[in-house]
C-alpha atoms as a PDB file:
ATOM      1  CA  MET A   1     -31.643  24.117  60.622  1.00  0.00           C
ATOM      2  CA  GLN A   2     -31.152  24.183  56.971  1.00  0.00           C
ATOM      3  CA  ASP A   3     -34.480  25.379  55.986  1.00  0.00           C
ATOM      4  CA  TYR A   4     -34.000  28.024  58.679  1.00  0.00           C
ATOM      5  CA  SER A   5     -30.639  28.940  57.213  1.00  0.00           C
ATOM      6  CA  ARG A   6     -32.019  29.574  53.674  1.00  0.00           C
ATOM      7  CA  LYS A   7     -35.109  31.507  54.745  1.00  0.00           C
ATOM      8  CA  ILE A   8     -32.849  33.689  57.253  1.00  0.00           C
ATOM      9  CA  ALA A   9     -30.450  34.546  54.357  1.00  0.00           C
ATOM     10  CA  GLU A  10     -33.254  35.429  52.112  1.00  0.00           C
ATOM     11  CA  ARG A  11     -35.081  37.783  54.555  1.00  0.00           C
ATOM     12  CA  LEU A  12     -31.758  39.412  55.287  1.00  0.00           C
ATOM     13  CA  TRP A  13     -30.339  40.241  51.970  1.00  0.00           C
ATOM     14  CA  ASN A  14     -33.722  40.854  50.271  1.00  0.00           C
ATOM     15  CA  GLN A  15     -34.474  44.025  52.521  1.00  0.00           C
ATOM     16  CA  PRO A  16     -35.233  46.860  50.465  1.00  0.00           C
ATOM     17  CA  ASP A  17     -32.201  49.032  51.179  1.00  0.00           C
ATOM     18  CA  LYS A  18     -29.509  46.284  50.893  1.00  0.00           C
ATOM     19  CA  GLY A  19     -28.427  46.836  47.418  1.00  0.00           C
ATOM     20  CA  GLU A  20     -27.722  50.574  48.100  1.00  0.00           C
ATOM     21  CA  LEU A  21     -26.160  50.085  51.719  1.00  0.00           C
ATOM     22  CA  GLU A  22     -23.668  47.189  50.372  1.00  0.00           C
ATOM     23  CA  SER A  23     -22.919  49.398  46.963  1.00  0.00           C
ATOM     24  CA  ARG A  24     -21.570  52.031  49.569  1.00  0.00           C
ATOM     25  CA  ARG A  25     -19.439  49.803  51.932  1.00  0.00           C
ATOM     26  CA  GLU A  26     -15.738  51.155  50.520  1.00  0.00           C
ATOM     27  CA  LYS A  27     -16.804  54.347  51.035  1.00  0.00           C
ATOM     28  CA  THR A  28     -17.980  53.724  54.449  1.00  0.00           C
ATOM     29  CA  TYR A  29     -15.743  51.103  56.280  1.00  0.00           C
ATOM     30  CA  MET A  30     -11.858  50.578  55.833  1.00  0.00           C
ATOM     31  CA  ASP A  31     -12.041  47.115  56.564  1.00  0.00           C
ATOM     32  CA  ASP A  32     -14.074  46.583  53.165  1.00  0.00           C
ATOM     33  CA  ILE A  33     -11.425  48.742  51.430  1.00  0.00           C
ATOM     34  CA  ILE A  34      -8.786  46.346  52.416  1.00  0.00           C
ATOM     35  CA  GLN A  35     -10.460  43.233  51.603  1.00  0.00           C
ATOM     36  CA  LYS A  36     -11.954  44.359  48.527  1.00  0.00           C
ATOM     37  CA  SER A  37      -8.629  45.638  47.539  1.00  0.00           C
ATOM     38  CA  HIS A  38      -6.936  42.463  48.286  1.00  0.00           C
ATOM     39  CA  ILE A  39      -9.501  40.484  46.009  1.00  0.00           C
ATOM     40  CA  GLU A  40      -9.604  42.632  43.153  1.00  0.00           C
ATOM     41  CA  ARG A  41      -5.428  42.536  43.044  1.00  0.00           C
ATOM     42  CA  ARG A  42      -5.644  38.845  43.390  1.00  0.00           C
ATOM     43  CA  LEU A  43      -8.396  38.575  40.485  1.00  0.00           C
ATOM     44  CA  ARG A  44      -6.421  40.667  38.539  1.00  0.00           C
ATOM     45  CA  GLU A  45      -3.306  38.042  38.840  1.00  0.00           C
ATOM     46  CA  ILE A  46      -5.154  35.215  37.720  1.00  0.00           C
ATOM     47  CA  LEU A  47      -7.157  36.372  34.772  1.00  0.00           C
ATOM     48  CA  ASP A  48      -4.916  35.153  32.031  1.00  0.00           C
ATOM     49  CA  GLY A  49      -6.976  33.033  29.715  1.00  0.00           C
ATOM     50  CA  ILE A  50     -10.282  33.713  31.667  1.00  0.00           C
ATOM     51  CA  GLU A  51     -13.278  34.691  29.337  1.00  0.00           C
ATOM     52  CA  THR A  52     -16.206  33.618  31.092  1.00  0.00           C
ATOM     53  CA  VAL A  53     -16.882  34.192  34.798  1.00  0.00           C
ATOM     54  CA  PHE A  54     -19.661  32.902  37.187  1.00  0.00           C
ATOM     55  CA  ASP A  55     -19.854  35.278  40.460  1.00  0.00           C
ATOM     56  CA  GLY A  56     -22.056  33.371  43.052  1.00  0.00           C
ATOM     57  CA  GLY A  57     -23.375  35.990  45.620  1.00  0.00           C
ATOM     58  CA  ALA A  58     -22.435  38.807  43.416  1.00  0.00           C
ATOM     59  CA  GLY A  59     -24.477  41.479  45.545  1.00  0.00           C
ATOM     60  CA  SER A  60     -24.423  44.852  44.223  1.00  0.00           C
ATOM     61  CA  GLY A  61     -21.694  44.067  41.454  1.00  0.00           C
ATOM     62  CA  ARG A  62     -18.337  45.228  42.844  1.00  0.00           C
ATOM     63  CA  PHE A  63     -16.477  42.337  41.034  1.00  0.00           C
ATOM     64  CA  SER A  64     -18.725  41.324  38.214  1.00  0.00           C
ATOM     65  CA  ILE A  65     -18.823  44.892  36.952  1.00  0.00           C
ATOM     66  CA  LEU A  66     -14.824  45.245  37.230  1.00  0.00           C
ATOM     67  CA  LEU A  67     -14.692  41.632  35.591  1.00  0.00           C
ATOM     68  CA  ALA A  68     -16.855  43.009  32.728  1.00  0.00           C
ATOM     69  CA  LYS A  69     -14.806  46.086  32.446  1.00  0.00           C
ATOM     70  CA  LEU A  70     -11.711  43.665  32.055  1.00  0.00           C
ATOM     71  CA  GLY A  71     -13.569  41.931  28.928  1.00  0.00           C
ATOM     72  CA  CYS A  72     -14.835  38.769  30.685  1.00  0.00           C
ATOM     73  CA  ARG A  73     -18.503  37.578  30.280  1.00  0.00           C
ATOM     74  CA  VAL A  74     -19.868  37.509  33.570  1.00  0.00           C
ATOM     75  CA  THR A  75     -22.975  35.722  35.100  1.00  0.00           C
ATOM     76  CA  HIS A  76     -23.911  37.532  38.426  1.00  0.00           C
ATOM     77  CA  PHE A  77     -25.697  35.270  40.569  1.00  0.00           C
ATOM     78  CA  ASP A  78     -27.528  36.595  43.710  1.00  0.00           C
ATOM     79  CA  LEU A  79     -30.179  35.665  46.198  1.00  0.00           C
ATOM     80  CA  SER A  80     -31.135  39.184  46.523  1.00  0.00           C
ATOM     81  CA  ARG A  81     -33.502  41.125  44.286  1.00  0.00           C
ATOM     82  CA  PRO A  82     -32.605  44.618  45.397  1.00  0.00           C
ATOM     83  CA  MET A  83     -28.825  43.562  45.264  1.00  0.00           C
ATOM     84  CA  ILE A  84     -29.326  42.613  41.505  1.00  0.00           C
ATOM     85  CA  GLU A  85     -31.182  45.725  40.660  1.00  0.00           C
ATOM     86  CA  LYS A  86     -28.783  47.941  42.304  1.00  0.00           C
ATOM     87  CA  ALA A  87     -25.871  46.029  40.197  1.00  0.00           C
ATOM     88  CA  GLN A  88     -28.052  46.315  36.946  1.00  0.00           C
ATOM     89  CA  ALA A  89     -28.024  50.061  37.568  1.00  0.00           C
ATOM     90  CA  LEU A  90     -24.303  50.159  38.398  1.00  0.00           C
ATOM     91  CA  ALA A  91     -23.373  48.112  35.300  1.00  0.00           C
ATOM     92  CA  ALA A  92     -25.381  50.415  32.962  1.00  0.00           C
ATOM     93  CA  GLU A  93     -23.749  53.609  34.367  1.00  0.00           C
ATOM     94  CA  ALA A  94     -20.414  51.680  33.680  1.00  0.00           C
ATOM     95  CA  GLY A  95     -21.377  50.892  30.304  1.00  0.00           C
ATOM     96  CA  VAL A  96     -21.050  46.760  30.680  1.00  0.00           C
ATOM     97  CA  SER A  97     -24.675  45.541  30.929  1.00  0.00           C
ATOM     98  CA  ASP A  98     -24.202  43.655  27.602  1.00  0.00           C
ATOM     99  CA  ARG A  99     -21.369  41.685  29.068  1.00  0.00           C
ATOM    100  CA  ILE A 100     -23.482  40.647  32.152  1.00  0.00           C
ATOM    101  CA  GLU A 101     -26.113  37.982  32.566  1.00  0.00           C
ATOM    102  CA  PHE A 102     -28.066  38.759  35.785  1.00  0.00           C
ATOM    103  CA  VAL A 103     -29.561  35.783  37.434  1.00  0.00           C
ATOM    104  CA  GLN A 104     -31.468  35.276  40.838  1.00  0.00           C
ATOM    105  CA  GLY A 105     -30.934  32.282  42.640  1.00  0.00           C
ATOM    106  CA  ALA A 106     -29.596  30.562  45.508  1.00  0.00           C
ATOM    107  CA  LEU A 107     -26.184  28.649  45.769  1.00  0.00           C
ATOM    108  CA  GLU A 108     -27.845  25.731  46.993  1.00  0.00           C
ATOM    109  CA  GLU A 109     -29.593  25.312  43.632  1.00  0.00           C
ATOM    110  CA  LEU A 110     -27.130  25.191  41.033  1.00  0.00           C
ATOM    111  CA  ASP A 111     -27.995  22.001  39.248  1.00  0.00           C
ATOM    112  CA  ALA A 112     -29.300  23.621  36.145  1.00  0.00           C
ATOM    113  CA  TYR A 113     -25.484  24.712  35.196  1.00  0.00           C
ATOM    114  CA  ALA A 114     -23.647  21.996  33.269  1.00  0.00           C
ATOM    115  CA  ASP A 115     -19.995  20.922  34.431  1.00  0.00           C
ATOM    116  CA  ARG A 116     -17.395  23.248  33.436  1.00  0.00           C
ATOM    117  CA  SER A 117     -19.470  25.783  32.121  1.00  0.00           C
ATOM    118  CA  PHE A 118     -17.270  28.821  33.126  1.00  0.00           C
ATOM    119  CA  ASP A 119     -13.445  29.715  33.109  1.00  0.00           C
ATOM    120  CA  LEU A 120     -13.572  31.169  36.617  1.00  0.00           C
ATOM    121  CA  VAL A 121     -16.044  30.450  39.288  1.00  0.00           C
ATOM    122  CA  MET A 122     -16.091  32.682  42.132  1.00  0.00           C
ATOM    123  CA  SER A 123     -17.851  33.518  45.367  1.00  0.00           C
ATOM    124  CA  VAL A 124     -16.773  36.246  47.834  1.00  0.00           C
ATOM    125  CA  ASP A 125     -18.094  37.976  50.860  1.00  0.00           C
ATOM    126  CA  ALA A 126     -19.064  34.706  52.334  1.00  0.00           C
ATOM    127  CA  PRO A 127     -22.351  33.628  50.621  1.00  0.00           C
ATOM    128  CA  ILE A 128     -20.911  30.016  50.932  1.00  0.00           C
ATOM    129  CA  SER A 129     -20.735  30.322  54.618  1.00  0.00           C
ATOM    130  CA  TYR A 130     -24.384  31.345  54.816  1.00  0.00           C
ATOM    131  CA  THR A 131     -25.485  28.023  53.144  1.00  0.00           C
ATOM    132  CA  TYR A 132     -24.941  26.119  56.348  1.00  0.00           C
ATOM    133  CA  PRO A 133     -25.266  23.090  56.781  1.00  0.00           C
ATOM    134  CA  ARG A 134     -25.091  22.369  52.840  1.00  0.00           C
ATOM    135  CA  GLN A 135     -21.695  24.372  52.661  1.00  0.00           C
ATOM    136  CA  GLU A 136     -19.671  21.498  51.539  1.00  0.00           C
ATOM    137  CA  ARG A 137     -22.253  20.641  48.874  1.00  0.00           C
ATOM    138  CA  VAL A 138     -22.270  24.236  47.324  1.00  0.00           C
ATOM    139  CA  ILE A 139     -18.509  24.161  47.546  1.00  0.00           C
ATOM    140  CA  GLY A 140     -18.335  21.052  45.287  1.00  0.00           C
ATOM    141  CA  ASN A 141     -20.940  22.292  42.906  1.00  0.00           C
ATOM    142  CA  LEU A 142     -19.283  25.667  42.328  1.00  0.00           C
ATOM    143  CA  VAL A 143     -15.892  23.595  41.936  1.00  0.00           C
ATOM    144  CA  ARG A 144     -18.098  21.417  39.299  1.00  0.00           C
ATOM    145  CA  LEU A 145     -18.797  24.340  37.281  1.00  0.00           C
ATOM    146  CA  ALA A 146     -15.250  25.609  36.846  1.00  0.00           C
ATOM    147  CA  LYS A 147     -13.145  24.839  33.793  1.00  0.00           C
ATOM    148  CA  LYS A 148      -9.950  26.638  34.958  1.00  0.00           C
ATOM    149  CA  ARG A 149      -9.996  28.276  38.308  1.00  0.00           C
ATOM    150  CA  VAL A 150     -11.946  28.933  41.214  1.00  0.00           C
ATOM    151  CA  LEU A 151     -11.814  32.009  43.911  1.00  0.00           C
ATOM    152  CA  PHE A 152     -13.732  31.605  47.143  1.00  0.00           C
ATOM    153  CA  SER A 153     -14.069  33.837  50.177  1.00  0.00           C
ATOM    154  CA  VAL A 154     -15.693  32.425  53.213  1.00  0.00           C
ATOM    155  CA  ALA A 155     -16.319  33.422  57.024  1.00  0.00           C
ATOM    156  CA  SER A 156     -13.012  32.565  58.782  1.00  0.00           C
ATOM    157  CA  ARG A 157     -13.611  30.743  62.007  1.00  0.00           C
ATOM    158  CA  LEU A 158     -10.594  32.008  63.839  1.00  0.00           C
ATOM    159  CA  GLY A 159     -11.005  35.490  62.412  1.00  0.00           C
ATOM    160  CA  ALA A 160     -14.338  35.585  63.735  1.00  0.00           C
ATOM    161  CA  LEU A 161     -13.402  34.892  67.415  1.00  0.00           C
ATOM    162  CA  PRO A 162     -12.159  38.390  68.266  1.00  0.00           C
ATOM    163  CA  TYR A 163     -15.704  39.666  67.377  1.00  0.00           C
ATOM    164  CA  LEU A 164     -17.132  37.832  70.358  1.00  0.00           C
ATOM    165  CA  CYS A 165     -15.105  39.825  72.718  1.00  0.00           C
ATOM    166  CA  ASN A 166     -15.351  43.001  70.928  1.00  0.00           C
ATOM    167  CA  PRO A 167     -18.972  44.582  70.603  1.00  0.00           C
ATOM    168  CA  ILE A 168     -17.460  47.831  68.974  1.00  0.00           C
ATOM    169  CA  GLN A 169     -15.119  45.961  66.535  1.00  0.00           C
ATOM    170  CA  LYS A 170     -16.943  47.803  63.704  1.00  0.00           C
ATOM    171  CA  ASN A 171     -16.120  51.319  65.119  1.00  0.00           C
ATOM    172  CA  GLN A 172     -12.493  50.821  64.452  1.00  0.00           C
ATOM    173  CA  PHE A 173     -13.075  50.794  60.735  1.00  0.00           C
ATOM    174  CA  ILE A 174     -15.667  53.565  60.167  1.00  0.00           C
ATOM    175  CA  LEU A 175     -13.848  56.071  58.070  1.00  0.00           C
ATOM    176  CA  ASP A 176     -15.936  58.981  58.459  1.00  0.00           C
ATOM    177  CA  GLU A 177     -18.197  59.078  61.452  1.00  0.00           C
ATOM    178  CA  SER A 178     -20.163  61.793  59.982  1.00  0.00           C
ATOM    179  CA  CYS A 179     -20.945  60.185  56.902  1.00  0.00           C
ATOM    180  CA  GLY A 180     -24.811  59.923  57.466  1.00  0.00           C
ATOM    181  CA  ASP A 181     -24.752  56.005  57.034  1.00  0.00           C
ATOM    182  CA  PRO A 182     -27.368  54.723  59.438  1.00  0.00           C
ATOM    183  CA  PHE A 183     -25.356  51.942  60.603  1.00  0.00           C
ATOM    184  CA  VAL A 184     -22.509  54.119  61.182  1.00  0.00           C
ATOM    185  CA  ARG A 185     -24.642  56.547  63.451  1.00  0.00           C
ATOM    186  CA  TRP A 186     -25.983  53.629  65.447  1.00  0.00           C
ATOM    187  CA  CYS A 187     -22.444  52.329  66.083  1.00  0.00           C
ATOM    188  CA  VAL A 188     -21.497  55.641  67.187  1.00  0.00           C
ATOM    189  CA  ASP A 189     -24.120  56.593  69.176  1.00  0.00           C
ATOM    190  CA  HIS A 190     -24.262  53.272  71.168  1.00  0.00           C
ATOM    191  CA  ARG A 191     -20.397  52.778  71.522  1.00  0.00           C
ATOM    192  CA  ASP A 192     -20.576  53.485  75.384  1.00  0.00           C
ATOM    193  CA  GLU A 193     -23.657  51.192  75.866  1.00  0.00           C
ATOM    194  CA  MET A 194     -21.962  48.142  73.996  1.00  0.00           C
ATOM    195  CA  ILE A 195     -18.952  48.419  76.178  1.00  0.00           C
ATOM    196  CA  GLY A 196     -20.788  48.696  79.270  1.00  0.00           C
ATOM    197  CA  SER A 197     -23.066  45.724  78.562  1.00  0.00           C
ATOM    198  CA  PHE A 198     -20.347  43.651  77.474  1.00  0.00           C
ATOM    199  CA  ALA A 199     -19.330  40.359  79.557  1.00  0.00           C
ATOM    200  CA  PHE A 200     -16.755  37.942  78.456  1.00  0.00           C
ATOM    201  CA  ASP A 201     -18.518  34.482  77.594  1.00  0.00           C
ATOM    202  CA  ALA A 202     -16.053  31.840  77.569  1.00  0.00           C
ATOM    203  CA  GLU A 203     -18.403  29.081  76.696  1.00  0.00           C
ATOM    204  CA  ARG A 204     -19.747  30.922  73.778  1.00  0.00           C
ATOM    205  CA  LEU A 205     -16.156  31.268  72.341  1.00  0.00           C
ATOM    206  CA  ARG A 206     -15.280  27.729  73.054  1.00  0.00           C
ATOM    207  CA  ARG A 207     -18.387  26.811  71.310  1.00  0.00           C
ATOM    208  CA  VAL A 208     -17.576  28.692  68.093  1.00  0.00           C
ATOM    209  CA  TYR A 209     -13.942  27.662  68.190  1.00  0.00           C
ATOM    210  CA  GLN A 210     -14.826  23.995  68.182  1.00  0.00           C
ATOM    211  CA  THR A 211     -17.827  24.032  65.924  1.00  0.00           C
ATOM    212  CA  GLY A 212     -17.528  26.832  63.540  1.00  0.00           C
ATOM    213  CA  LEU A 213     -20.949  27.680  63.852  1.00  0.00           C
ATOM    214  CA  LEU A 214     -22.179  31.356  64.567  1.00  0.00           C
ATOM    215  CA  GLY A 215     -26.103  31.489  65.231  1.00  0.00           C
ATOM    216  CA  GLY A 216     -28.624  28.913  65.744  1.00  0.00           C
ATOM    217  CA  GLU A 217     -31.598  28.563  67.902  1.00  0.00           C
ATOM    218  CA  GLU A 218     -31.795  32.507  68.808  1.00  0.00           C
ATOM    219  CA  GLU A 219     -31.741  33.482  65.134  1.00  0.00           C
ATOM    220  CA  MET A 220     -34.301  30.988  64.425  1.00  0.00           C
ATOM    221  CA  ARG A 221     -36.653  32.246  67.022  1.00  0.00           C
ATOM    222  CA  ALA A 222     -36.235  35.769  66.063  1.00  0.00           C
ATOM    223  CA  TYR A 223     -37.044  34.868  62.474  1.00  0.00           C
ATOM    224  CA  ASP A 224     -40.457  33.437  63.796  1.00  0.00           C
ATOM    225  CA  ARG A 225     -41.162  36.611  65.550  1.00  0.00           C
ATOM    226  CA  GLY A 226     -40.778  38.383  62.160  1.00  0.00           C
ATOM    227  CA  GLU A 227     -37.379  39.981  62.850  1.00  0.00           C
ATOM    228  CA  THR A 228     -34.384  39.869  60.481  1.00  0.00           C
ATOM    229  CA  PRO A 229     -31.556  38.361  62.061  1.00  0.00           C
ATOM    230  CA  TRP A 230     -27.884  37.924  60.654  1.00  0.00           C
ATOM    231  CA  CYS A 231     -27.608  34.875  58.881  1.00  0.00           C
ATOM    232  CA  ILE A 232     -26.432  31.538  60.633  1.00  0.00           C
ATOM    233  CA  THR A 233     -22.975  31.395  59.383  1.00  0.00           C
ATOM    234  CA  TYR A 234     -20.336  28.416  59.193  1.00  0.00           C
ATOM    235  CA  GLY A 235     -16.810  29.818  59.670  1.00  0.00           C
ATOM    236  CA  PHE A 236     -13.914  27.373  58.171  1.00  0.00           C
ATOM    237  CA  ARG A 237     -10.498  26.835  59.285  1.00  0.00           C
ATOM    238  CA  PRO A 238      -8.143  27.283  56.479  1.00  0.00           C
ATOM    239  CA  GLU A 239      -6.634  23.544  56.472  1.00  0.00           C
ATOM    240  CA  GLU A 240     -10.306  22.711  56.351  1.00  0.00           C
ATOM    241  CA  LEU A 241     -11.096  24.586  53.309  1.00  0.00           C
ATOM    242  CA  ALA A 242      -7.919  23.517  51.445  1.00  0.00           C
ATOM    243  CA  GLY A 243      -8.679  20.110  52.467  1.00  0.00           C
ATOM    244  CA  ILE A 244     -12.181  20.274  51.054  1.00  0.00           C
ATOM    245  CA  LEU A 245     -10.787  21.898  47.683  1.00  0.00           C
ATOM    246  CA  GLY A 246      -7.873  19.675  47.338  1.00  0.00           C
ATOM    247  CA  ARG A 247     -10.354  16.608  47.543  1.00  0.00           C
ATOM    248  CA  LEU A 248     -12.256  18.058  44.634  1.00  0.00           C
ATOM    249  CA  GLY A 249      -9.140  18.196  42.238  1.00  0.00           C
ATOM    250  CA  VAL A 250      -8.247  22.181  42.975  1.00  0.00           C
ATOM    251  CA  ARG A 251      -4.651  22.428  42.579  1.00  0.00           C
ATOM    252  CA  ASN A 252      -1.826  25.141  43.291  1.00  0.00           C
ATOM    253  CA  ILE A 253      -4.148  26.515  46.059  1.00  0.00           C
ATOM    254  CA  ARG A 254      -3.113  30.006  47.589  1.00  0.00           C
ATOM    255  CA  MET A 255      -4.690  31.323  50.949  1.00  0.00           C
ATOM    256  CA  ALA A 256      -4.963  34.570  52.301  1.00  0.00           C
ATOM    257  CA  GLY A 257      -6.883  36.481  55.159  1.00  0.00           C
ATOM    258  CA  PRO A 258      -7.545  39.991  53.952  1.00  0.00           C
ATOM    259  CA  GLY A 259      -7.555  42.210  57.117  1.00  0.00           C
ATOM    260  CA  ALA A 260      -5.290  40.497  59.349  1.00  0.00           C
ATOM    261  CA  TYR A 261      -2.845  43.427  59.412  1.00  0.00           C
ATOM    262  CA  GLY A 262      -5.198  46.009  59.070  1.00  0.00           C
ATOM    263  CA  ARG A 263      -7.232  44.946  62.371  1.00  0.00           C
ATOM    264  CA  THR A 264      -3.975  45.427  64.519  1.00  0.00           C
ATOM    265  CA  LEU A 265      -4.196  49.310  64.046  1.00  0.00           C
ATOM    266  CA  PRO A 266      -6.327  51.729  65.736  1.00  0.00           C
ATOM    267  CA  ARG A 267      -9.021  53.574  64.106  1.00  0.00           C
ATOM    268  CA  GLU A 268      -7.095  57.054  64.347  1.00  0.00           C
ATOM    269  CA  ILE A 269      -3.982  55.669  62.094  1.00  0.00           C
ATOM    270  CA  LEU A 270      -6.145  53.795  59.726  1.00  0.00           C
ATOM    271  CA  VAL A 271      -8.055  57.001  58.893  1.00  0.00           C
ATOM    272  CA  LYS A 272      -4.927  58.869  58.438  1.00  0.00           C
ATOM    273  CA  ILE A 273      -3.408  56.233  55.879  1.00  0.00           C
ATOM    274  CA  MET A 274      -6.807  56.073  54.135  1.00  0.00           C
ATOM    275  CA  ASN A 275      -6.841  59.904  53.529  1.00  0.00           C
ATOM    276  CA  ASP A 276      -3.474  60.172  52.157  1.00  0.00           C
ATOM    277  CA  PRO A 277      -3.275  58.572  48.789  1.00  0.00           C
ATOM    278  CA  GLN A 278       0.609  57.439  48.727  1.00  0.00           C
ATOM    279  CA  GLN A 279       0.115  56.045  52.264  1.00  0.00           C
ATOM    280  CA  LYS A 280      -3.046  54.391  51.293  1.00  0.00           C
ATOM    281  CA  ALA A 281      -1.417  52.666  48.291  1.00  0.00           C
ATOM    282  CA  ASP A 282       1.697  51.558  50.362  1.00  0.00           C
ATOM    283  CA  PHE A 283      -0.386  50.203  53.028  1.00  0.00           C
ATOM    284  CA  LEU A 284      -2.719  48.186  50.899  1.00  0.00           C
ATOM    285  CA  ASP A 285       0.524  46.879  49.096  1.00  0.00           C
ATOM    286  CA  PHE A 286       1.910  45.603  52.244  1.00  0.00           C
ATOM    287  CA  CYS A 287      -1.400  44.441  53.661  1.00  0.00           C
ATOM    288  CA  TYR A 288      -1.619  42.270  50.395  1.00  0.00           C
ATOM    289  CA  ALA A 289       1.722  40.504  51.394  1.00  0.00           C
ATOM    290  CA  PHE A 290       1.235  40.089  55.001  1.00  0.00           C
ATOM    291  CA  ASP A 291      -2.420  38.948  54.701  1.00  0.00           C
ATOM    292  CA  ALA A 292      -1.317  36.151  52.544  1.00  0.00           C
ATOM    293  CA  GLU A 293       1.381  34.549  54.813  1.00  0.00           C
ATOM    294  CA  PRO A 294       0.085  31.264  55.906  1.00  0.00           C
ATOM    295  CA  SER A 295       0.714  31.820  59.526  1.00  0.00           C
ATOM    296  CA  VAL A 296      -1.900  34.732  59.653  1.00  0.00           C
ATOM    297  CA  CYS A 297      -4.324  33.872  56.637  1.00  0.00           C
ATOM    298  CA  GLY A 298      -6.856  32.296  59.312  1.00  0.00           C
ATOM    299  CA  LEU A 299      -6.915  35.892  61.111  1.00  0.00           C
ATOM    300  CA  GLY A 300      -8.453  37.873  58.250  1.00  0.00           C
ATOM    301  CA  LYS A 301     -10.853  40.720  59.323  1.00  0.00           C
ATOM    302  CA  ASP A 302     -13.830  38.722  58.223  1.00  0.00           C
ATOM    303  CA  ASN A 303     -12.889  36.163  55.387  1.00  0.00           C
ATOM    304  CA  LEU A 304     -10.414  33.426  54.422  1.00  0.00           C
ATOM    305  CA  LEU A 305      -9.886  33.694  50.796  1.00  0.00           C
ATOM    306  CA  MET A 306      -8.504  30.895  48.550  1.00  0.00           C
ATOM    307  CA  ASP A 307      -8.065  30.133  45.226  1.00  0.00           C
ATOM    308  CA  GLY A 308      -6.477  27.544  42.941  1.00  0.00           C
ATOM    309  CA  GLU A 309      -6.498  25.839  39.605  1.00  0.00           C
ATOM    310  CA  ILE A 310      -8.863  23.084  38.281  1.00  0.00           C
END
C-alpha cells in the first residue's frame, strides 16, 4: 500500500487547479476559517526566537507567506508543482519572495536535510497523514530537523468518524452557496441525492475507529482506472501522537482540535457569525480556547493540532 499511497497523493495534489482552489479555501469554507485562524494564532504565540522555518506540505503558502511577513526565513516544501506555483505568485504579491525558498519534494524524503536545520519545523493540514504507512518515520524525520519547536496537524481519527455518517458535512461550512466554486456548486446540487443514498455502515465505522485508516483497496483500484481518488489517510488519536512526539524528545506538548466547537453549530448560525466582524472575532477567540480543551481536542473538524519544544 505504501507505493500506492505516495502515487495517489501525487496525482491528487498535482491536479492543475489545486493551487488556485486551495488558495481560496478561507473565502469559501467556514471550517477553514476556523482552523487557519487557530493555527495562525498559535504560530504567533510561539515565534519568539524563531528565525528559520521548514513548512512541510506548505500548499499554496497560507503560513509560509505569513511567517515570511513576520520576518522568518522559510523553506516552503510541497509535493505539488501547481501549489508551489500559486504560492510563488502570492509570495511575489506580498513582497516576500526573497524570504522563501520553494522546494518540490515528498515528506517521505527528507534525508538531505541535516539534523537541527530549522528553528521551527511545521506541517499542517494533514500531509503527514497522507504518508501512510510511513507516517511515524516521517514524524521522526521532521522532529530531527527541528532545533527549537515543532508544530503539526494531522488527520484526527475521532474527528473523522462523523464524516462517515454525514455525506453533507461540507454543506454546513459553505460561506456563500452562490460563490461559483465548482465543488460548492456540486455539494449544493447533490445534497438531496447524498441524503437519499446514505445508509449507516456500522462495520466501516468500527474499522476506522479501530485502525485509523481511511481508504485502501477501493482507492487503489480507482487509481489503476486512471481516476483521482482522495489520499489514503491515517487518522491519529491524541494520545497516540503525543506518545510519538514524547518518545522523540518533544516537551511541553500542547494539543488542540480546531473546529470542535464550530462543528456543533448549524450553517445558518455560522454564516450570520462570519458575516459580522465583531461576532466573528469573538467567536474565533472562543473557539481558540474551547478547541484546546484536552477533553475535546480529538474531535476537531478535520485535524488534530499539536506543538511542542525540542
